[in-house]
């Protein structure tokens, strides 16, 4: 697996730490452990599926759905990161 440069240089996890392991756990079928490792894994998968689907099928409100999913993912990633940092430093 690729090492996290942020963690190697500064000793602090980045917002993507755990995503590689979560993808591997997802492919192994360990769904709850994948969520525990990286809570945004399922919303990212939904976003990617929608983006691929949207390449072939265009419809009226696709931009709003994309932006909603992107914002939701950003909030979820930031929230999970803040929660992880609070747990680490307490």
N, C-alpha and C. Protein backbone atom coordinates (compact mmCIF):
# COMPACT_ATOMS: atom_id res chain seq x y z
N UNK A 1 0.84 -1.18 0.00
CA UNK A 1 0.00 0.00 0.00
C UNK A 1 0.89 1.25 0.00
N UNK A 2 0.34 2.31 -0.53
CA UNK A 2 1.06 3.57 -0.58
C UNK A 2 1.11 4.20 0.80
N UNK A 3 2.27 4.70 1.20
CA UNK A 3 2.34 5.35 2.51
C UNK A 3 1.75 6.76 2.45
N UNK A 4 1.26 7.21 3.59
CA UNK A 4 0.72 8.57 3.68
C UNK A 4 1.88 9.53 3.93
N UNK A 5 2.12 10.42 2.99
CA UNK A 5 3.24 11.36 3.12
C UNK A 5 3.00 12.35 4.25
N UNK A 6 1.76 12.73 4.47
CA UNK A 6 1.44 13.65 5.56
C UNK A 6 1.79 13.02 6.90
N UNK A 7 1.44 11.77 7.07
CA UNK A 7 1.73 11.07 8.31
C UNK A 7 3.23 10.83 8.46
N UNK A 8 3.90 10.52 7.36
CA UNK A 8 5.34 10.28 7.41
C UNK A 8 6.11 11.56 7.75
N UNK A 9 5.68 12.68 7.19
CA UNK A 9 6.40 13.93 7.41
C UNK A 9 6.02 14.63 8.71
N UNK A 10 4.71 14.66 9.01
CA UNK A 10 4.24 15.44 10.15
C UNK A 10 3.74 14.60 11.32
N UNK A 11 3.54 13.32 11.11
CA UNK A 11 3.07 12.46 12.18
C UNK A 11 1.58 12.54 12.45
N UNK A 12 0.83 13.16 11.55
CA UNK A 12 -0.61 13.33 11.72
C UNK A 12 -1.32 12.75 10.49
N UNK A 13 -2.41 12.03 10.74
CA UNK A 13 -3.20 11.47 9.63
C UNK A 13 -3.72 12.57 8.72
N UNK A 14 -3.89 12.23 7.45
CA UNK A 14 -4.54 13.15 6.51
C UNK A 14 -6.02 12.78 6.41
N UNK A 15 -6.77 13.52 5.63
CA UNK A 15 -8.20 13.24 5.50
C UNK A 15 -8.47 11.98 4.69
N UNK A 16 -7.48 11.47 3.99
CA UNK A 16 -7.67 10.27 3.20
C UNK A 16 -7.09 9.02 3.84
N UNK A 17 -6.48 9.16 5.01
CA UNK A 17 -5.90 8.00 5.69
C UNK A 17 -6.99 6.98 6.00
N UNK A 18 -6.76 5.77 5.57
CA UNK A 18 -7.71 4.69 5.78
C UNK A 18 -8.51 4.36 4.54
N UNK A 19 -8.47 5.20 3.54
CA UNK A 19 -9.28 4.97 2.33
C UNK A 19 -8.79 3.75 1.55
N UNK A 20 -7.47 3.58 1.42
CA UNK A 20 -6.95 2.41 0.71
C UNK A 20 -7.34 1.12 1.41
N UNK A 21 -7.17 1.11 2.72
CA UNK A 21 -7.52 -0.08 3.48
C UNK A 21 -9.02 -0.34 3.43
N UNK A 22 -9.82 0.73 3.42
CA UNK A 22 -11.27 0.57 3.34
C UNK A 22 -11.68 -0.03 2.00
N UNK A 23 -11.03 0.37 0.92
CA UNK A 23 -11.34 -0.19 -0.40
C UNK A 23 -10.99 -1.68 -0.43
N UNK A 24 -9.85 -2.03 0.14
CA UNK A 24 -9.46 -3.44 0.18
C UNK A 24 -10.45 -4.23 1.02
N UNK A 25 -10.85 -3.70 2.16
CA UNK A 25 -11.84 -4.38 3.00
C UNK A 25 -13.18 -4.50 2.27
N UNK A 26 -13.53 -3.49 1.50
CA UNK A 26 -14.77 -3.53 0.74
C UNK A 26 -14.73 -4.66 -0.30
N UNK A 27 -13.61 -4.81 -0.98
CA UNK A 27 -13.47 -5.89 -1.97
C UNK A 27 -13.43 -7.27 -1.31
N UNK A 28 -12.97 -7.33 -0.07
CA UNK A 28 -12.97 -8.59 0.66
C UNK A 28 -14.35 -8.95 1.21
N UNK A 29 -15.27 -7.98 1.19
CA UNK A 29 -16.61 -8.24 1.69
C UNK A 29 -16.79 -7.90 3.16
N UNK A 30 -15.82 -7.24 3.75
CA UNK A 30 -15.91 -6.85 5.16
C UNK A 30 -16.45 -5.42 5.21
N UNK A 31 -17.76 -5.30 5.04
CA UNK A 31 -18.40 -4.00 4.85
C UNK A 31 -18.40 -3.13 6.10
N UNK A 32 -18.67 -3.71 7.24
CA UNK A 32 -18.70 -2.90 8.46
C UNK A 32 -17.29 -2.44 8.84
N UNK A 33 -16.30 -3.27 8.61
CA UNK A 33 -14.92 -2.87 8.91
C UNK A 33 -14.44 -1.79 7.94
N UNK A 34 -14.91 -1.85 6.70
CA UNK A 34 -14.56 -0.81 5.73
C UNK A 34 -15.13 0.53 6.17
N UNK A 35 -16.37 0.50 6.66
CA UNK A 35 -16.98 1.74 7.16
C UNK A 35 -16.24 2.26 8.38
N UNK A 36 -15.85 1.37 9.27
CA UNK A 36 -15.12 1.77 10.47
C UNK A 36 -13.76 2.36 10.11
N UNK A 37 -13.12 1.80 9.09
CA UNK A 37 -11.81 2.28 8.67
C UNK A 37 -11.89 3.66 8.02
N UNK A 38 -12.92 3.87 7.18
CA UNK A 38 -13.08 5.14 6.47
C UNK A 38 -14.57 5.37 6.23
N UNK A 39 -15.23 6.15 7.09
CA UNK A 39 -16.69 6.28 7.03
C UNK A 39 -17.25 6.81 5.72
N UNK A 40 -16.46 7.52 4.94
CA UNK A 40 -16.97 8.09 3.70
C UNK A 40 -16.89 7.13 2.52
N UNK A 41 -16.48 5.90 2.75
CA UNK A 41 -16.26 4.96 1.65
C UNK A 41 -17.53 4.71 0.84
N UNK A 42 -18.66 4.56 1.50
CA UNK A 42 -19.89 4.24 0.78
C UNK A 42 -20.45 5.45 0.04
N UNK A 43 -20.32 6.62 0.61
CA UNK A 43 -20.80 7.81 -0.11
C UNK A 43 -19.91 8.11 -1.31
N UNK A 44 -18.63 7.82 -1.20
CA UNK A 44 -17.73 8.00 -2.35
C UNK A 44 -18.06 7.00 -3.44
N UNK A 45 -18.35 5.77 -3.06
CA UNK A 45 -18.74 4.75 -4.04
C UNK A 45 -20.02 5.17 -4.76
N UNK A 46 -20.99 5.69 -4.01
CA UNK A 46 -22.24 6.16 -4.61
C UNK A 46 -21.96 7.31 -5.58
N UNK A 47 -21.09 8.23 -5.18
CA UNK A 47 -20.73 9.34 -6.06
C UNK A 47 -20.06 8.84 -7.34
N UNK A 48 -19.13 7.91 -7.22
CA UNK A 48 -18.45 7.38 -8.40
C UNK A 48 -19.40 6.63 -9.33
N UNK A 49 -20.31 5.85 -8.75
CA UNK A 49 -21.30 5.16 -9.57
C UNK A 49 -22.18 6.16 -10.30
N UNK A 50 -22.59 7.22 -9.61
CA UNK A 50 -23.42 8.23 -10.25
C UNK A 50 -22.65 8.94 -11.37
N UNK A 51 -21.37 9.24 -11.15
CA UNK A 51 -20.59 9.92 -12.17
C UNK A 51 -20.42 9.06 -13.42
N UNK A 52 -20.17 7.78 -13.24
CA UNK A 52 -20.05 6.87 -14.39
C UNK A 52 -21.39 6.76 -15.11
N UNK A 53 -22.47 6.61 -14.34
CA UNK A 53 -23.81 6.53 -14.92
C UNK A 53 -24.13 7.80 -15.70
N UNK A 54 -23.71 8.95 -15.15
CA UNK A 54 -24.01 10.24 -15.77
C UNK A 54 -23.21 10.47 -17.05
N UNK A 55 -22.12 9.74 -17.24
CA UNK A 55 -21.38 9.85 -18.49
C UNK A 55 -22.22 9.36 -19.67
N UNK A 56 -23.05 8.37 -19.42
CA UNK A 56 -23.83 7.76 -20.48
C UNK A 56 -25.27 8.27 -20.55
N UNK A 57 -25.81 8.69 -19.43
CA UNK A 57 -27.20 9.17 -19.37
C UNK A 57 -27.23 10.55 -18.74
N UNK A 58 -27.61 11.53 -19.53
CA UNK A 58 -27.73 12.90 -19.04
C UNK A 58 -29.20 13.18 -18.73
N UNK A 59 -29.43 13.91 -17.66
CA UNK A 59 -30.79 14.32 -17.35
C UNK A 59 -30.77 15.69 -16.71
N UNK A 60 -31.94 16.22 -16.47
CA UNK A 60 -32.11 17.63 -16.13
C UNK A 60 -31.39 18.06 -14.86
N UNK A 61 -31.52 17.33 -13.79
CA UNK A 61 -30.97 17.79 -12.51
C UNK A 61 -29.69 17.06 -12.13
N UNK A 62 -28.92 16.59 -13.10
CA UNK A 62 -27.69 15.86 -12.78
C UNK A 62 -26.66 16.74 -12.09
N UNK A 63 -26.58 17.99 -12.44
CA UNK A 63 -25.62 18.90 -11.81
C UNK A 63 -25.95 19.07 -10.32
N UNK A 64 -27.21 19.24 -10.00
CA UNK A 64 -27.60 19.42 -8.59
C UNK A 64 -27.31 18.16 -7.78
N UNK A 65 -27.53 17.00 -8.36
CA UNK A 65 -27.25 15.75 -7.65
C UNK A 65 -25.75 15.60 -7.44
N UNK A 66 -24.96 15.90 -8.48
CA UNK A 66 -23.50 15.82 -8.34
C UNK A 66 -23.00 16.75 -7.26
N UNK A 67 -23.46 17.99 -7.28
CA UNK A 67 -23.00 18.95 -6.28
C UNK A 67 -23.44 18.54 -4.88
N UNK A 68 -24.64 18.02 -4.75
CA UNK A 68 -25.12 17.56 -3.46
C UNK A 68 -24.28 16.42 -2.93
N UNK A 69 -23.96 15.46 -3.80
CA UNK A 69 -23.12 14.33 -3.38
C UNK A 69 -21.71 14.77 -3.03
N UNK A 70 -21.16 15.71 -3.78
CA UNK A 70 -19.81 16.21 -3.50
C UNK A 70 -19.78 16.94 -2.17
N UNK A 71 -20.76 17.79 -1.92
CA UNK A 71 -20.82 18.51 -0.65
C UNK A 71 -21.03 17.53 0.51
N UNK A 72 -21.92 16.56 0.32
CA UNK A 72 -22.15 15.56 1.35
C UNK A 72 -20.87 14.80 1.67
N UNK A 73 -20.13 14.41 0.64
CA UNK A 73 -18.86 13.71 0.86
C UNK A 73 -17.85 14.59 1.58
N UNK A 74 -17.77 15.85 1.20
CA UNK A 74 -16.85 16.77 1.86
C UNK A 74 -17.16 16.93 3.34
N UNK A 75 -18.44 17.09 3.64
CA UNK A 75 -18.85 17.23 5.04
C UNK A 75 -18.58 15.94 5.81
N UNK A 76 -18.87 14.80 5.21
CA UNK A 76 -18.65 13.52 5.87
C UNK A 76 -17.16 13.26 6.10
N UNK A 77 -16.33 13.56 5.12
CA UNK A 77 -14.89 13.37 5.26
C UNK A 77 -14.33 14.30 6.34
N UNK A 78 -14.74 15.57 6.31
CA UNK A 78 -14.27 16.52 7.32
C UNK A 78 -14.75 16.13 8.71
N UNK A 79 -15.99 15.72 8.83
CA UNK A 79 -16.53 15.32 10.13
C UNK A 79 -15.83 14.10 10.68
N UNK A 80 -15.58 13.11 9.84
CA UNK A 80 -14.88 11.90 10.28
C UNK A 80 -13.45 12.22 10.68
N UNK A 81 -12.81 13.13 9.95
CA UNK A 81 -11.44 13.52 10.28
C UNK A 81 -11.38 14.24 11.62
N UNK A 82 -12.30 15.16 11.83
CA UNK A 82 -12.34 15.88 13.10
C UNK A 82 -12.61 14.92 14.25
N UNK A 83 -13.55 13.99 14.05
CA UNK A 83 -13.85 12.99 15.08
C UNK A 83 -12.62 12.14 15.39
N UNK A 84 -11.88 11.73 14.35
CA UNK A 84 -10.68 10.92 14.55
C UNK A 84 -9.61 11.71 15.29
N UNK A 85 -9.43 12.98 14.95
CA UNK A 85 -8.43 13.79 15.61
C UNK A 85 -8.78 14.04 17.08
N UNK A 86 -10.05 14.21 17.37
CA UNK A 86 -10.49 14.39 18.76
C UNK A 86 -10.19 13.12 19.56
N UNK A 87 -10.45 11.95 18.96
CA UNK A 87 -10.16 10.70 19.66
C UNK A 87 -8.68 10.49 19.87
N UNK A 88 -7.87 10.86 18.91
CA UNK A 88 -6.42 10.65 19.01
C UNK A 88 -5.82 11.53 20.10
N UNK A 89 -6.22 12.79 20.13
CA UNK A 89 -5.60 13.73 21.04
C UNK A 89 -6.23 13.75 22.42
N UNK A 90 -7.25 12.96 22.66
CA UNK A 90 -7.83 12.88 24.03
C UNK A 90 -7.37 11.68 24.74
